[in-house]
Amino acid sequence: MRKQIENLTIVAWITSLIATLGSLYFSQVRMYEPCTLCWYQRIFMYPLVIILIIGIIKKDATVALYSAVLSLIGIGLSSYHYALQKIPFFTQTAPACGRVPCTGQYINWFGFVTIPFLALTAFIIIFICSLLILRLSKEDS
């Protein structure tokens, strides 16, 4: 595995690890109960930690295909969740989604950074790293 590919995989893995630990911090330490959409985002983030570390250990760049797919779905979920929180049209027409409303904002740093925004940022970083890995590994072939 080329050093560039390995470094990008490590960046993607660290991003997924920080996102996973951050979500666990919010739910287990701060006691913020996740809404339904938060759970769906976790379903796509948590496996990335394992998939990417296996790719790093085995020096296998093909894991980027799996991380690209999972992170792209995560981008869609996080974008929709963020829209529910910040765009009035979506907020007013949001369906009920469990005990905790998906429009709720446990944090609102700087007026725009919410938990779905943090997840969206992590998914975008992982997706970009995955695309770059796929591109570089294709050049090597």
C-alpha atoms as a PDB file:
ATOM      1  CA  MET A   1       0.000   0.000   0.000  1.00  0.00           C
ATOM      2  CA  ARG A   2       1.357   3.387  -0.978  1.00  0.00           C
ATOM      3  CA  LYS A   3       2.103   5.748   1.899  1.00  0.00           C
ATOM      4  CA  GLN A   4      -0.440   8.303   0.602  1.00  0.00           C
ATOM      5  CA  ILE A   5      -3.173   5.672   0.572  1.00  0.00           C
ATOM      6  CA  GLU A   6      -2.198   4.468   4.033  1.00  0.00           C
ATOM      7  CA  ASN A   7      -2.225   8.025   5.398  1.00  0.00           C
ATOM      8  CA  LEU A   8      -5.660   8.748   3.897  1.00  0.00           C
ATOM      9  CA  THR A   9      -6.997   5.520   5.384  1.00  0.00           C
ATOM     10  CA  ILE A  10      -5.614   6.522   8.785  1.00  0.00           C
ATOM     11  CA  VAL A  11      -7.241   9.983   8.494  1.00  0.00           C
ATOM     12  CA  ALA A  12     -10.589   8.352   7.637  1.00  0.00           C
ATOM     13  CA  TRP A  13     -10.210   5.892  10.523  1.00  0.00           C
ATOM     14  CA  ILE A  14      -9.316   8.614  13.049  1.00  0.00           C
ATOM     15  CA  THR A  15     -12.317  10.646  11.848  1.00  0.00           C
ATOM     16  CA  SER A  16     -14.659   7.679  12.308  1.00  0.00           C
ATOM     17  CA  LEU A  17     -13.161   6.910  15.723  1.00  0.00           C
ATOM     18  CA  ILE A  18     -13.585  10.503  16.934  1.00  0.00           C
ATOM     19  CA  ALA A  19     -17.169  10.583  15.622  1.00  0.00           C
ATOM     20  CA  THR A  20     -17.968   7.286  17.340  1.00  0.00           C
ATOM     21  CA  LEU A  21     -16.409   8.331  20.639  1.00  0.00           C
ATOM     22  CA  GLY A  22     -18.121  11.726  20.383  1.00  0.00           C
ATOM     23  CA  SER A  23     -21.540  10.156  19.919  1.00  0.00           C
ATOM     24  CA  LEU A  24     -20.907   7.827  22.850  1.00  0.00           C
ATOM     25  CA  TYR A  25     -19.805  10.811  24.956  1.00  0.00           C
ATOM     26  CA  PHE A  26     -23.010  12.698  24.177  1.00  0.00           C
ATOM     27  CA  SER A  27     -25.238   9.713  24.979  1.00  0.00           C
ATOM     28  CA  GLN A  28     -23.372   8.005  27.832  1.00  0.00           C
ATOM     29  CA  VAL A  29     -21.671  10.890  29.644  1.00  0.00           C
ATOM     30  CA  ARG A  30     -23.877  13.904  28.866  1.00  0.00           C
ATOM     31  CA  MET A  31     -26.986  11.658  28.872  1.00  0.00           C
ATOM     32  CA  TYR A  32     -28.410  13.098  25.619  1.00  0.00           C
ATOM     33  CA  GLU A  33     -30.879  10.503  24.386  1.00  0.00           C
ATOM     34  CA  PRO A  34     -30.376   9.935  20.636  1.00  0.00           C
ATOM     35  CA  CYS A  35     -33.325  10.400  18.312  1.00  0.00           C
ATOM     36  CA  THR A  36     -34.207   7.888  15.616  1.00  0.00           C
ATOM     37  CA  LEU A  37     -32.143   9.623  12.921  1.00  0.00           C
ATOM     38  CA  CYS A  38     -29.163   9.769  15.280  1.00  0.00           C
ATOM     39  CA  TRP A  39     -29.391   5.989  15.647  1.00  0.00           C
ATOM     40  CA  TYR A  40     -29.431   5.552  11.871  1.00  0.00           C
ATOM     41  CA  GLN A  41     -26.349   7.730  11.544  1.00  0.00           C
ATOM     42  CA  ARG A  42     -24.612   5.637  14.203  1.00  0.00           C
ATOM     43  CA  ILE A  43     -25.486   2.482  12.246  1.00  0.00           C
ATOM     44  CA  PHE A  44     -23.426   3.813   9.346  1.00  0.00           C
ATOM     45  CA  MET A  45     -20.594   5.384  11.395  1.00  0.00           C
ATOM     46  CA  TYR A  46     -19.716   2.678  13.925  1.00  0.00           C
ATOM     47  CA  PRO A  47     -18.798  -0.057  11.403  1.00  0.00           C
ATOM     48  CA  LEU A  48     -16.409   2.349   9.674  1.00  0.00           C
ATOM     49  CA  VAL A  49     -14.107   2.215  12.699  1.00  0.00           C
ATOM     50  CA  ILE A  50     -13.756  -1.550  12.318  1.00  0.00           C
ATOM     51  CA  ILE A  51     -13.697  -1.673   8.508  1.00  0.00           C
ATOM     52  CA  LEU A  52     -11.027   1.012   8.203  1.00  0.00           C
ATOM     53  CA  ILE A  53      -8.741  -0.399  10.908  1.00  0.00           C
ATOM     54  CA  ILE A  54      -8.887  -3.802   9.194  1.00  0.00           C
ATOM     55  CA  GLY A  55      -7.886  -2.081   5.946  1.00  0.00           C
ATOM     56  CA  ILE A  56      -4.967  -0.373   7.686  1.00  0.00           C
ATOM     57  CA  ILE A  57      -3.759  -3.580   9.342  1.00  0.00           C
ATOM     58  CA  LYS A  58      -4.110  -5.691   6.181  1.00  0.00           C
ATOM     59  CA  LYS A  59      -2.823  -2.836   3.984  1.00  0.00           C
ATOM     60  CA  ASP A  60      -5.893  -3.280   1.796  1.00  0.00           C
ATOM     61  CA  ALA A  61      -7.082  -0.186  -0.064  1.00  0.00           C
ATOM     62  CA  THR A  62     -10.271  -1.912  -1.248  1.00  0.00           C
ATOM     63  CA  VAL A  63     -11.916  -1.062   2.082  1.00  0.00           C
ATOM     64  CA  ALA A  64     -12.301   2.437   0.630  1.00  0.00           C
ATOM     65  CA  LEU A  65     -15.154   1.149  -1.515  1.00  0.00           C
ATOM     66  CA  TYR A  66     -17.095   0.074   1.581  1.00  0.00           C
ATOM     67  CA  SER A  67     -16.279   3.240   3.500  1.00  0.00           C
ATOM     68  CA  ALA A  68     -17.332   5.360   0.511  1.00  0.00           C
ATOM     69  CA  VAL A  69     -20.729   3.661   0.326  1.00  0.00           C
ATOM     70  CA  LEU A  70     -21.384   3.804   4.086  1.00  0.00           C
ATOM     71  CA  SER A  71     -20.267   7.427   4.349  1.00  0.00           C
ATOM     72  CA  LEU A  72     -22.334   8.483   1.311  1.00  0.00           C
ATOM     73  CA  ILE A  73     -25.467   7.043   2.926  1.00  0.00           C
ATOM     74  CA  GLY A  74     -24.431   8.765   6.172  1.00  0.00           C
ATOM     75  CA  ILE A  75     -24.092  12.068   4.326  1.00  0.00           C
ATOM     76  CA  GLY A  76     -27.671  11.728   3.106  1.00  0.00           C
ATOM     77  CA  LEU A  77     -29.003  10.911   6.570  1.00  0.00           C
ATOM     78  CA  SER A  78     -27.025  13.662   8.303  1.00  0.00           C
ATOM     79  CA  SER A  79     -27.983  16.261   5.694  1.00  0.00           C
ATOM     80  CA  TYR A  80     -31.659  15.434   6.089  1.00  0.00           C
ATOM     81  CA  HIS A  81     -31.393  15.483   9.893  1.00  0.00           C
ATOM     82  CA  TYR A  82     -29.569  18.829   9.823  1.00  0.00           C
ATOM     83  CA  ALA A  83     -32.227  20.226   7.463  1.00  0.00           C
ATOM     84  CA  LEU A  84     -34.915  19.132   9.931  1.00  0.00           C
ATOM     85  CA  GLN A  85     -33.161  21.176  12.605  1.00  0.00           C
ATOM     86  CA  LYS A  86     -32.207  24.307  10.703  1.00  0.00           C
ATOM     87  CA  ILE A  87     -34.522  24.871   7.718  1.00  0.00           C
ATOM     88  CA  PRO A  88     -37.945  26.176   8.809  1.00  0.00           C
ATOM     89  CA  PHE A  89     -39.869  24.350   6.043  1.00  0.00           C
ATOM     90  CA  PHE A  90     -38.438  21.005   7.130  1.00  0.00           C
ATOM     91  CA  THR A  91     -38.782  21.794  10.834  1.00  0.00           C
ATOM     92  CA  GLN A  92     -42.479  22.671  10.497  1.00  0.00           C
ATOM     93  CA  THR A  93     -43.322  19.599   8.411  1.00  0.00           C
ATOM     94  CA  ALA A  94     -41.084  17.131  10.262  1.00  0.00           C
ATOM     95  CA  PRO A  95     -42.749  13.845  11.097  1.00  0.00           C
ATOM     96  CA  ALA A  96     -42.686  12.576  14.663  1.00  0.00           C
ATOM     97  CA  CYS A  97     -39.743  10.250  15.045  1.00  0.00           C
ATOM     98  CA  GLY A  98     -39.848   8.550  18.425  1.00  0.00           C
ATOM     99  CA  ARG A  99     -39.548   9.711  22.026  1.00  0.00           C
ATOM    100  CA  VAL A 100     -36.936  12.323  21.212  1.00  0.00           C
ATOM    101  CA  PRO A 101     -37.856  14.726  18.389  1.00  0.00           C
ATOM    102  CA  CYS A 102     -35.392  14.797  15.495  1.00  0.00           C
ATOM    103  CA  THR A 103     -35.762  18.583  15.379  1.00  0.00           C
ATOM    104  CA  GLY A 104     -34.302  18.933  18.899  1.00  0.00           C
ATOM    105  CA  GLN A 105     -30.862  20.449  19.316  1.00  0.00           C
ATOM    106  CA  TYR A 106     -28.895  19.354  22.367  1.00  0.00           C
ATOM    107  CA  ILE A 107     -26.016  21.539  21.233  1.00  0.00           C
ATOM    108  CA  ASN A 108     -25.993  24.589  18.969  1.00  0.00           C
ATOM    109  CA  TRP A 109     -22.433  25.878  18.958  1.00  0.00           C
ATOM    110  CA  PHE A 110     -21.874  29.158  17.043  1.00  0.00           C
ATOM    111  CA  GLY A 111     -25.521  29.038  15.969  1.00  0.00           C
ATOM    112  CA  PHE A 112     -25.034  26.242  13.425  1.00  0.00           C
ATOM    113  CA  VAL A 113     -22.976  23.345  14.836  1.00  0.00           C
ATOM    114  CA  THR A 114     -25.364  20.632  16.010  1.00  0.00           C
ATOM    115  CA  ILE A 115     -24.773  16.907  16.495  1.00  0.00           C
ATOM    116  CA  PRO A 116     -26.028  16.032  12.970  1.00  0.00           C
ATOM    117  CA  PHE A 117     -23.697  18.742  11.593  1.00  0.00           C
ATOM    118  CA  LEU A 118     -20.764  17.085  13.375  1.00  0.00           C
ATOM    119  CA  ALA A 119     -21.779  13.703  11.922  1.00  0.00           C
ATOM    120  CA  LEU A 120     -22.163  15.253   8.466  1.00  0.00           C
ATOM    121  CA  THR A 121     -18.681  16.742   8.666  1.00  0.00           C
ATOM    122  CA  ALA A 122     -17.194  13.374   9.665  1.00  0.00           C
ATOM    123  CA  PHE A 123     -19.036  11.533   6.877  1.00  0.00           C
ATOM    124  CA  ILE A 124     -17.831  14.083   4.308  1.00  0.00           C
ATOM    125  CA  ILE A 125     -14.200  13.757   5.451  1.00  0.00           C
ATOM    126  CA  ILE A 126     -14.416   9.955   5.283  1.00  0.00           C
ATOM    127  CA  PHE A 127     -16.103  10.062   1.873  1.00  0.00           C
ATOM    128  CA  ILE A 128     -13.462  12.391   0.408  1.00  0.00           C
ATOM    129  CA  CYS A 129     -10.647  10.253   1.824  1.00  0.00           C
ATOM    130  CA  SER A 130     -12.323   7.141   0.405  1.00  0.00           C
ATOM    131  CA  LEU A 131     -12.628   8.673  -3.063  1.00  0.00           C
ATOM    132  CA  LEU A 132      -8.990   9.758  -3.006  1.00  0.00           C
ATOM    133  CA  ILE A 133      -7.914   6.265  -1.919  1.00  0.00           C
ATOM    134  CA  LEU A 134      -9.916   4.684  -4.749  1.00  0.00           C
ATOM    135  CA  ARG A 135      -8.428   7.114  -7.241  1.00  0.00           C
ATOM    136  CA  LEU A 136      -4.852   6.553  -6.062  1.00  0.00           C
ATOM    137  CA  SER A 137      -5.248   2.781  -5.958  1.00  0.00           C
ATOM    138  CA  LYS A 138      -6.673   2.835  -9.499  1.00  0.00           C
ATOM    139  CA  GLU A 139      -3.599   4.770 -10.665  1.00  0.00           C
ATOM    140  CA  ASP A 140      -1.382   2.084  -9.129  1.00  0.00           C
ATOM    141  CA  SER A 141      -3.137  -0.683 -11.065  1.00  0.00           C
END
